[in-house]
Amino acid sequence: MPKYTLQMNDKLEAILDELAEREGISKAQVIRRSLTLLKLAEDHKEEGFELQLAKAGDDEKPAVVKTVLT
C-alpha cells in the first residue's frame, strides 16, 4: 500500500484527531473514509445530485436538510 506525507494546518490536525478519537479509528482510516465520501459525492454530482445532511423528524421525511457539497 502506498504511503503519503501530508502537511496540514493546526485546525485540520485538530479535526483529524477529534474524528479519529470519536470513532475509535486511526487517522489514516479517517482520511480513507473522507476520500471515499468525497468520491461518492463527486461521482453523483455529475448526475445532478448533491450531498446533503438530513436530521430525521418524527415522520420518515427529514425535518432539516443542509446541503454540504454541490
Protein backbone atom coordinates (compact mmCIF):
# COMPACT_ATOMS: atom_id res chain seq x y z
CA MET A 1 0.00 0.00 0.00
CA PRO A 2 1.45 3.41 -0.93
CA LYS A 3 2.35 5.83 1.86
CA TYR A 4 1.81 9.58 1.74
CA THR A 5 3.08 12.55 3.70
CA LEU A 6 0.55 15.32 4.35
CA GLN A 7 1.00 18.81 5.63
CA MET A 8 -1.98 20.41 7.34
CA ASN A 9 -2.66 23.41 9.50
CA ASP A 10 -3.46 23.17 13.21
CA LYS A 11 -7.22 23.35 12.64
CA LEU A 12 -7.25 20.41 10.23
CA GLU A 13 -4.96 18.43 12.53
CA ALA A 14 -7.37 19.02 15.43
CA ILE A 15 -10.30 17.88 13.29
CA LEU A 16 -8.40 14.74 12.27
CA ASP A 17 -7.52 13.99 15.89
CA GLU A 18 -11.10 14.55 17.03
CA LEU A 19 -12.62 12.32 14.36
CA ALA A 20 -10.15 9.51 14.97
CA GLU A 21 -10.74 9.61 18.72
CA ARG A 22 -14.52 9.90 18.42
CA GLU A 23 -14.78 6.95 16.03
CA GLY A 24 -12.02 4.90 17.68
CA ILE A 25 -10.13 4.56 14.40
CA SER A 26 -6.74 5.57 13.07
CA LYS A 27 -6.08 8.92 11.44
CA ALA A 28 -5.31 7.04 8.23
CA GLN A 29 -8.77 5.44 8.37
CA VAL A 30 -10.38 8.87 8.84
CA ILE A 31 -8.61 10.08 5.71
CA ARG A 32 -9.62 6.96 3.75
CA ARG A 33 -13.26 7.40 4.78
CA SER A 34 -13.13 11.09 3.88
CA LEU A 35 -11.77 10.37 0.42
CA THR A 36 -14.40 7.68 -0.13
CA LEU A 37 -17.19 10.08 0.83
CA LEU A 38 -15.79 12.83 -1.42
CA LYS A 39 -15.52 10.37 -4.33
CA LEU A 40 -19.14 9.30 -3.82
CA ALA A 41 -20.31 12.93 -3.78
CA GLU A 42 -18.27 13.87 -6.83
CA ASP A 43 -19.42 10.84 -8.86
CA HIS A 44 -23.08 11.61 -8.21
CA LYS A 45 -22.60 15.36 -8.74
CA GLU A 46 -22.11 14.59 -12.43
CA GLU A 47 -25.62 13.09 -12.41
CA GLY A 48 -27.13 16.24 -10.88
CA PHE A 49 -27.14 15.07 -7.25
CA GLU A 50 -25.75 16.97 -4.27
CA LEU A 51 -24.65 15.79 -0.85
CA GLN A 52 -26.99 16.79 1.96
CA LEU A 53 -27.25 16.13 5.67
CA ALA A 54 -30.70 15.32 6.96
CA LYS A 55 -31.98 15.18 10.51
CA ALA A 56 -34.85 12.76 10.89
CA GLY A 57 -38.06 14.09 12.36
CA ASP A 58 -40.98 12.22 13.88
CA ASP A 59 -42.13 11.11 10.45
CA GLU A 60 -39.97 9.46 7.81
CA LYS A 61 -39.18 12.70 5.96
CA PRO A 62 -36.12 14.68 7.04
CA ALA A 63 -37.00 17.64 9.25
CA VAL A 64 -33.86 19.61 8.41
CA VAL A 65 -31.80 19.36 5.26
CA LYS A 66 -28.46 21.07 4.81
CA THR A 67 -26.54 20.98 1.55
CA VAL A 68 -22.87 20.37 2.21
CA LEU A 69 -21.43 19.79 -1.27
CA THR A 70 -22.77 20.98 -4.61
